[in-house]
Amino acid sequence: MSDPTVGAPDTAAVPLDLITPEGPVPPRLKLMLLANGQRFTAVVHTLADLGVADVLAAGPRPVREIAEAVGCDATQLYRVLRFAVLVGLFHEVEPEVFALTELAEGLRGDVPDNVRDAVLLDGSEKFNRAFTGLGHSVRTGRPGFDHVHGRSFWQDLEADDEAARVFDAAMTGISRRLGAVYLERHDFGGPRRIADVGGGRGYFLASLLERYPDARGVLFDRPQVVAAAGELLEERGVDDRAEVVGGDFFTDALPTGCDTYVLKTVLHDWPDDGAARILRRVREAIGGTGARLLILEQVVAPMNAWDPAKLLDLDMMVVMGGRERNLTEWRRLLAGAGFRLTHEPEAGDWTVLECVPED
């Protein structure tokens, strides 16, 4: 999916940043570039998959050396790199010698804020094919992924170990970057026992437990996902304060006895009926304890304002059948599941929707 941790520029609209020697790209050419965006996707995905950025981390190198290091044909790699230069991804410093650019740094596997795994997910064959079903989604309201692949995205992850590995790696990377944003921006208020529902391998829960050393946590996600959580939690030094529970949040009991429940980038994966079911399960787990629910997601900005959530919303529609929500939609969804917001969350960015049970 489109990396949700990429920040929004200040401009109201973002044109393609392509300048020819004669000046800006003419409107008709820009339109044709938009119509052929699969070329850009294929180039970025291929260069990420080959690991070209890692080879150039130490400095510029001739294309033949790069090709030898990544195991491909030098002539064909040159043609791909020459295309990539057009959009600022790598730079030809002298004939057939290439260097990293700031943009390409994000494809390096050894930098903490890299987006390589997210690029590999977005550019994967299954994601690309799913978007041929965009028209189906628009006409029917159902995910294009299901129409194209004959099963849902979640069923596909169950059946395809490699697809599940790519997805989980991308989600861990996003959790790492997005988690840092949330920890910087929000005071989580000294929780005592945290339930991270749909928390993946536990990266964000580990970060919360590091910040609040007196707190304990429960990680809840699909059994095949949390199976890898123990190693991560041990590496972060919080395994003695974290309980790992595998289950399905639609059918299995959620953790009880917690004062803080976290749903981070979970609800946007689901249409309103599915999201409401998850919220009602959390409400049942809270019972009469007065525990709070923290939803870590986006609130879509109104009208013409630039907002990356409007890009990610297409992934949700086509691939998973979910959606990004504006403030009105959030209030309606929460009220229907027995919650109310305690504040006015910021629109147009990643935010925390702090909720309490409705009396």
Protein backbone atom coordinates (compact mmCIF):
# COMPACT_ATOMS: atom_id res chain seq x y z
CA MET A 1 0.00 0.00 0.00
CA SER A 2 1.05 3.59 -0.37
CA ASP A 3 3.32 4.36 2.53
CA PRO A 4 1.10 6.21 5.00
CA THR A 5 3.99 7.77 6.87
CA VAL A 6 4.94 10.09 4.03
CA GLY A 7 4.15 13.63 5.11
CA ALA A 8 2.03 16.12 3.23
CA PRO A 9 3.53 19.16 1.46
CA ASP A 10 2.16 22.62 2.08
CA THR A 11 0.81 23.09 -1.43
CA ALA A 12 -2.86 22.58 -2.21
CA ALA A 13 -2.03 20.42 -5.22
CA VAL A 14 1.03 18.38 -6.12
CA PRO A 15 1.92 18.33 -9.85
CA LEU A 16 4.35 15.84 -11.33
CA ASP A 17 7.78 17.25 -10.60
CA LEU A 18 9.13 16.74 -14.12
CA ILE A 19 11.01 19.51 -15.93
CA THR A 20 12.37 19.18 -19.45
CA PRO A 21 15.28 21.31 -20.77
CA GLU A 22 12.63 23.49 -22.40
CA GLY A 23 10.67 23.98 -19.17
CA PRO A 24 7.71 22.29 -17.43
CA VAL A 25 6.17 19.21 -18.97
CA PRO A 26 3.26 20.26 -21.22
CA PRO A 27 -0.23 19.35 -19.96
CA ARG A 28 -0.88 16.67 -22.62
CA LEU A 29 2.43 14.95 -21.91
CA LYS A 30 1.77 15.14 -18.18
CA LEU A 31 -1.61 13.52 -18.79
CA MET A 32 0.02 10.71 -20.76
CA LEU A 33 2.58 10.21 -18.01
CA LEU A 34 -0.26 9.87 -15.52
CA ALA A 35 -1.92 7.33 -17.80
CA ASN A 36 1.30 5.29 -17.93
CA GLY A 37 2.15 5.34 -14.25
CA GLN A 38 2.73 1.58 -14.30
CA ARG A 39 6.13 2.33 -15.86
CA PHE A 40 7.20 4.30 -12.79
CA THR A 41 5.86 1.61 -10.48
CA ALA A 42 7.73 -1.12 -12.34
CA VAL A 43 11.01 0.80 -12.36
CA VAL A 44 10.94 1.71 -8.66
CA HIS A 45 9.88 -1.82 -7.69
CA THR A 46 12.58 -3.47 -9.84
CA LEU A 47 15.37 -1.26 -8.51
CA ALA A 48 14.19 -1.88 -4.94
CA ASP A 49 14.02 -5.62 -5.53
CA LEU A 50 17.53 -5.69 -7.02
CA GLY A 51 18.98 -3.69 -4.13
CA VAL A 52 20.66 -1.10 -6.34
CA ALA A 53 20.51 1.59 -3.64
CA ASP A 54 22.45 -0.65 -1.23
CA VAL A 55 25.20 -1.14 -3.82
CA LEU A 56 25.55 2.64 -4.23
CA ALA A 57 25.57 3.40 -0.50
CA ALA A 58 29.37 3.85 -0.50
CA GLY A 59 29.37 6.16 -3.52
CA PRO A 60 28.93 6.31 -7.32
CA ARG A 61 29.72 3.20 -9.36
CA PRO A 62 29.75 2.28 -13.07
CA VAL A 63 26.64 0.48 -14.24
CA ARG A 64 28.63 -2.67 -15.08
CA GLU A 65 29.81 -2.94 -11.47
CA ILE A 66 26.28 -2.37 -10.20
CA ALA A 67 24.93 -5.03 -12.55
CA GLU A 68 27.57 -7.53 -11.46
CA ALA A 69 26.80 -6.85 -7.78
CA VAL A 70 23.03 -7.35 -8.14
CA GLY A 71 23.17 -10.10 -10.76
CA CYS A 72 21.60 -8.63 -13.88
CA ASP A 73 22.38 -7.50 -17.42
CA ALA A 74 24.34 -4.24 -17.49
CA THR A 75 22.84 -2.93 -20.74
CA GLN A 76 19.26 -3.43 -19.58
CA LEU A 77 20.01 -2.05 -16.10
CA TYR A 78 21.44 1.09 -17.70
CA ARG A 79 18.21 1.64 -19.61
CA VAL A 80 16.17 1.32 -16.41
CA LEU A 81 18.48 3.64 -14.45
CA ARG A 82 18.39 6.19 -17.27
CA PHE A 83 14.59 6.23 -16.95
CA ALA A 84 14.79 6.48 -13.15
CA VAL A 85 16.96 9.61 -13.46
CA LEU A 86 14.01 11.40 -15.09
CA VAL A 87 12.11 11.40 -11.79
CA GLY A 88 15.07 12.07 -9.51
CA LEU A 89 15.63 8.46 -8.52
CA PHE A 90 19.45 8.11 -8.90
CA HIS A 91 21.73 10.48 -10.83
CA GLU A 92 24.11 9.84 -13.74
CA VAL A 93 27.23 11.69 -12.58
CA GLU A 94 29.19 10.80 -15.72
CA PRO A 95 28.39 8.53 -18.65
CA GLU A 96 27.13 5.18 -17.30
CA VAL A 97 28.16 6.01 -13.72
CA PHE A 98 25.33 6.38 -11.20
CA ALA A 99 24.95 7.77 -7.70
CA LEU A 100 22.25 7.87 -5.05
CA THR A 101 19.92 10.84 -4.72
CA GLU A 102 18.01 11.87 -1.60
CA LEU A 103 14.96 10.18 -3.08
CA ALA A 104 16.81 6.91 -3.68
CA GLU A 105 18.14 6.85 -0.10
CA GLY A 106 14.72 5.57 0.94
CA LEU A 107 15.39 2.31 -0.94
CA ARG A 108 18.44 1.45 1.15
CA GLY A 109 17.78 -1.46 3.47
CA ASP A 110 20.26 -0.23 6.09
CA VAL A 111 18.68 3.14 6.92
CA PRO A 112 16.14 3.22 9.77
CA ASP A 113 13.45 5.15 7.88
CA ASN A 114 13.69 3.25 4.60
CA VAL A 115 10.54 2.42 2.64
CA ARG A 116 11.95 -0.50 0.66
CA ASP A 117 9.55 -3.12 2.01
CA ALA A 118 6.55 -0.85 1.38
CA VAL A 119 7.75 -0.29 -2.20
CA LEU A 120 8.08 -4.05 -2.71
CA LEU A 121 4.50 -4.49 -1.47
CA ASP A 122 3.05 -1.63 -3.55
CA GLY A 123 4.79 -2.74 -6.71
CA SER A 124 4.10 -6.44 -6.33
CA GLU A 125 2.36 -8.32 -9.11
CA LYS A 126 -0.72 -8.96 -6.99
CA PHE A 127 -1.14 -5.29 -6.05
CA ASN A 128 -0.67 -4.20 -9.65
CA ARG A 129 -3.21 -6.69 -10.92
CA ALA A 130 -5.65 -5.70 -8.19
CA PHE A 131 -5.76 -2.15 -9.56
CA THR A 132 -7.03 -3.45 -12.89
CA GLY A 133 -10.17 -4.01 -10.81
CA LEU A 134 -10.55 -0.33 -9.82
CA GLY A 135 -13.49 0.04 -12.19
CA HIS A 136 -15.12 -3.00 -10.56
CA SER A 137 -14.70 -1.38 -7.14
CA VAL A 138 -16.21 1.89 -8.31
CA ARG A 139 -19.18 0.18 -9.98
CA THR A 140 -19.97 -2.39 -7.30
CA GLY A 141 -18.50 -1.09 -4.05
CA ARG A 142 -16.55 -4.34 -3.63
CA PRO A 143 -12.75 -4.81 -3.60
CA GLY A 144 -11.05 -5.11 -6.98
CA PHE A 145 -8.56 -7.54 -5.41
CA ASP A 146 -11.30 -10.11 -4.80
CA HIS A 147 -12.63 -9.69 -8.35
CA VAL A 148 -9.20 -10.08 -9.98
CA HIS A 149 -7.71 -12.79 -7.77
CA GLY A 150 -10.82 -14.78 -6.89
CA ARG A 151 -10.32 -14.42 -3.12
CA SER A 152 -9.94 -11.64 -0.58
CA PHE A 153 -6.66 -10.04 0.34
CA TRP A 154 -6.78 -11.66 3.77
CA GLN A 155 -7.54 -15.09 2.29
CA ASP A 156 -4.60 -14.63 -0.04
CA LEU A 157 -2.25 -13.94 2.87
CA GLU A 158 -3.45 -17.15 4.52
CA ALA A 159 -2.72 -19.14 1.35
CA ASP A 160 0.53 -17.52 0.15
CA ASP A 161 3.45 -17.52 2.59
CA GLU A 162 5.57 -15.20 0.43
CA ALA A 163 2.77 -12.65 0.07
CA ALA A 164 2.29 -12.76 3.84
CA ARG A 165 6.02 -12.26 4.41
CA VAL A 166 6.15 -9.21 2.11
CA PHE A 167 3.05 -7.72 3.74
CA ASP A 168 4.27 -8.28 7.31
CA ALA A 169 7.69 -6.80 6.47
CA ALA A 170 6.05 -3.72 4.98
CA MET A 171 3.73 -3.32 7.97
CA THR A 172 6.65 -3.62 10.41
CA GLY A 173 8.53 -0.92 8.53
CA ILE A 174 5.50 1.35 8.48
CA SER A 175 4.90 0.67 12.18
CA ARG A 176 8.49 1.67 12.91
CA ARG A 177 8.20 5.01 11.11
CA LEU A 178 4.62 5.79 12.05
CA GLY A 179 5.13 4.68 15.65
CA ALA A 180 7.90 7.23 16.02
CA VAL A 181 5.53 9.93 14.78
CA TYR A 182 2.88 8.99 17.32
CA LEU A 183 5.30 8.77 20.22
CA GLU A 184 6.65 12.20 19.35
CA ARG A 185 3.25 13.85 19.03
CA HIS A 186 1.05 12.22 21.66
CA ASP A 187 1.17 11.81 25.42
CA PHE A 188 -0.24 8.34 26.10
CA GLY A 189 -0.82 9.26 29.74
CA GLY A 190 1.05 6.65 31.73
CA PRO A 191 -0.93 3.48 30.92
CA ARG A 192 -0.76 0.50 33.28
CA ARG A 193 -1.86 -2.34 30.98
CA ILE A 194 -2.06 -1.86 27.21
CA ALA A 195 -3.85 -4.08 24.72
CA ASP A 196 -2.54 -3.59 21.18
CA VAL A 197 -5.28 -5.17 19.09
CA GLY A 198 -4.12 -6.05 15.58
CA GLY A 199 -0.63 -5.03 16.64
CA GLY A 200 1.33 -7.19 14.19
CA ARG A 201 4.67 -8.44 15.48
CA GLY A 202 4.56 -5.97 18.38
CA TYR A 203 6.89 -3.21 17.25
CA PHE A 204 4.66 -0.39 18.46
CA LEU A 205 3.71 -2.14 21.69
CA ALA A 206 7.41 -2.60 22.42
CA SER A 207 7.93 1.12 21.85
CA LEU A 208 5.13 1.96 24.29
CA LEU A 209 6.54 -0.41 26.92
CA GLU A 210 9.96 1.17 26.52
CA ARG A 211 8.47 4.62 27.08
CA TYR A 212 6.38 3.47 30.07
CA PRO A 213 8.59 1.05 32.05
CA ASP A 214 5.92 0.42 34.69
CA ALA A 215 3.35 -0.68 32.11
CA ARG A 216 2.54 -4.18 30.90
CA GLY A 217 1.11 -5.10 27.52
CA VAL A 218 -0.90 -7.66 25.59
CA LEU A 219 -0.29 -8.15 21.87
CA PHE A 220 -3.26 -9.55 19.93
CA ASP A 221 -3.16 -10.50 16.24
CA ARG A 222 -3.48 -13.45 13.89
CA PRO A 223 -1.62 -16.53 15.19
CA GLN A 224 0.73 -16.68 12.19
CA VAL A 225 1.64 -13.01 12.72
CA VAL A 226 2.29 -13.05 16.47
CA ALA A 227 4.29 -16.27 16.09
CA ALA A 228 7.24 -14.03 15.21
CA ALA A 229 6.60 -11.50 18.00
CA GLY A 230 8.58 -13.20 20.75
CA GLU A 231 11.93 -12.60 19.11
CA LEU A 232 11.17 -8.92 18.47
CA LEU A 233 9.92 -8.32 22.01
CA GLU A 234 13.00 -10.03 23.43
CA GLU A 235 15.31 -7.96 21.24
CA ARG A 236 13.63 -4.81 22.57
CA GLY A 237 13.98 -6.02 26.15
CA VAL A 238 10.27 -5.96 26.99
CA ASP A 239 9.33 -9.64 26.64
CA ASP A 240 8.99 -10.01 30.43
CA ARG A 241 6.21 -7.38 30.40
CA ALA A 242 4.38 -8.48 27.26
CA GLU A 243 1.84 -11.25 26.76
CA VAL A 244 1.27 -12.54 23.23
CA VAL A 245 -2.18 -13.81 22.22
CA GLY A 246 -3.07 -15.21 18.81
CA GLY A 247 -6.62 -14.90 17.59
CA ASP A 248 -9.18 -13.38 15.25
CA PHE A 249 -10.68 -10.13 16.49
CA PHE A 250 -13.98 -10.98 14.81
CA THR A 251 -14.47 -14.33 16.53
CA ASP A 252 -12.08 -14.72 19.48
CA ALA A 253 -12.22 -13.05 22.88
CA LEU A 254 -10.14 -9.88 23.13
CA PRO A 255 -7.89 -9.22 26.15
CA THR A 256 -9.68 -7.89 29.23
CA GLY A 257 -8.42 -6.06 32.30
CA CYS A 258 -6.58 -3.36 30.37
CA ASP A 259 -6.87 0.38 30.94
CA THR A 260 -5.73 1.30 27.42
CA TYR A 261 -6.74 -0.32 24.13
CA VAL A 262 -4.89 0.58 20.94
CA LEU A 263 -6.06 0.12 17.35
CA LYS A 264 -3.24 1.37 15.12
CA THR A 265 -3.98 1.43 11.38
CA VAL A 266 -6.51 -1.39 11.79
CA LEU A 267 -9.95 0.07 11.19
CA HIS A 268 -9.11 1.62 7.81
CA ASP A 269 -8.57 -1.91 6.49
CA TRP A 270 -12.31 -2.59 6.83
CA PRO A 271 -15.58 -1.20 5.51
CA ASP A 272 -17.90 0.37 8.05
CA ASP A 273 -19.67 -2.85 9.01
CA GLY A 274 -16.38 -4.68 9.65
CA ALA A 275 -14.87 -1.73 11.50
CA ALA A 276 -17.99 -1.46 13.65
CA ARG A 277 -17.75 -5.16 14.54
CA ILE A 278 -14.15 -4.67 15.71
CA LEU A 279 -15.11 -1.62 17.76
CA ARG A 280 -17.98 -3.49 19.38
CA ARG A 281 -15.63 -6.32 20.33
CA VAL A 282 -13.34 -3.78 22.00
CA ARG A 283 -16.34 -2.22 23.74
CA GLU A 284 -17.30 -5.67 25.09
CA ALA A 285 -13.75 -6.24 26.36
CA ILE A 286 -13.77 -2.88 28.16
CA GLY A 287 -17.10 -3.55 29.81
CA GLY A 288 -17.71 -1.22 32.74
CA THR A 289 -14.05 -0.57 33.55
CA GLY A 290 -13.91 2.88 31.94
CA ALA A 291 -10.82 2.00 29.91
CA ARG A 292 -10.04 4.26 26.99
CA LEU A 293 -9.58 3.40 23.33
CA LEU A 294 -6.87 5.07 21.25
CA ILE A 295 -7.38 4.85 17.48
CA LEU A 296 -4.21 5.76 15.61
CA GLU A 297 -5.29 6.64 12.09
CA GLN A 298 -5.93 9.52 9.72
CA VAL A 299 -8.77 12.01 9.55
CA VAL A 300 -9.25 12.93 5.90
CA ALA A 301 -8.91 16.62 5.10
CA PRO A 302 -11.88 18.33 3.41
CA MET A 303 -12.36 19.21 -0.24
CA ASN A 304 -9.30 20.21 -2.29
CA ALA A 305 -6.69 20.08 0.48
CA TRP A 306 -3.68 17.89 -0.26
CA ASP A 307 -3.79 14.83 1.97
CA PRO A 308 -1.92 11.52 1.51
CA ALA A 309 -4.95 9.81 3.06
CA LYS A 310 -6.76 10.41 -0.22
CA LEU A 311 -4.11 8.30 -1.98
CA LEU A 312 -4.10 5.56 0.63
CA ASP A 313 -7.89 5.48 0.47
CA LEU A 314 -7.68 3.94 -3.02
CA ASP A 315 -5.54 1.10 -1.66
CA MET A 316 -8.13 0.51 1.01
CA MET A 317 -10.96 0.50 -1.53
CA VAL A 318 -9.33 -1.72 -4.15
CA VAL A 319 -7.20 -4.11 -2.10
CA MET A 320 -8.85 -4.53 1.28
CA GLY A 321 -12.31 -3.07 0.90
CA GLY A 322 -11.71 -0.56 3.70
CA ARG A 323 -11.60 3.23 3.73
CA GLU A 324 -10.04 6.35 5.17
CA ARG A 325 -12.59 8.47 7.06
CA ASN A 326 -13.30 12.14 7.63
CA LEU A 327 -14.33 13.44 11.04
CA THR A 328 -18.06 13.12 10.39
CA GLU A 329 -17.61 9.49 9.32
CA TRP A 330 -15.48 8.75 12.39
CA ARG A 331 -18.05 10.20 14.76
CA ARG A 332 -20.85 8.19 13.15
CA LEU A 333 -18.84 4.94 13.23
CA LEU A 334 -17.81 5.39 16.87
CA ALA A 335 -21.30 6.33 18.08
CA GLY A 336 -22.74 3.21 16.48
CA ALA A 337 -20.27 1.04 18.41
CA GLY A 338 -20.76 2.69 21.80
CA PHE A 339 -17.86 5.19 21.88
CA ARG A 340 -17.46 8.95 21.77
CA LEU A 341 -14.48 11.15 21.01
CA THR A 342 -13.03 13.14 23.90
CA HIS A 343 -11.51 15.85 21.69
CA GLU A 344 -11.39 17.32 18.18
CA PRO A 345 -8.69 15.39 16.27
CA GLU A 346 -6.62 17.14 13.63
CA ALA A 347 -7.62 16.52 10.00
CA GLY A 348 -5.18 15.96 7.16
CA ASP A 349 -2.57 14.05 9.13
CA TRP A 350 -1.94 11.00 11.27
CA THR A 351 -3.60 11.59 14.60
CA VAL A 352 -4.88 9.91 17.74
CA LEU A 353 -8.63 9.61 18.16
CA GLU A 354 -9.04 9.22 21.91
CA CYS A 355 -12.34 7.56 22.76
CA VAL A 356 -14.23 6.55 25.86
CA PRO A 357 -17.26 4.28 26.23
CA GLU A 358 -20.55 6.06 25.83
CA ASP A 359 -22.66 5.91 28.98
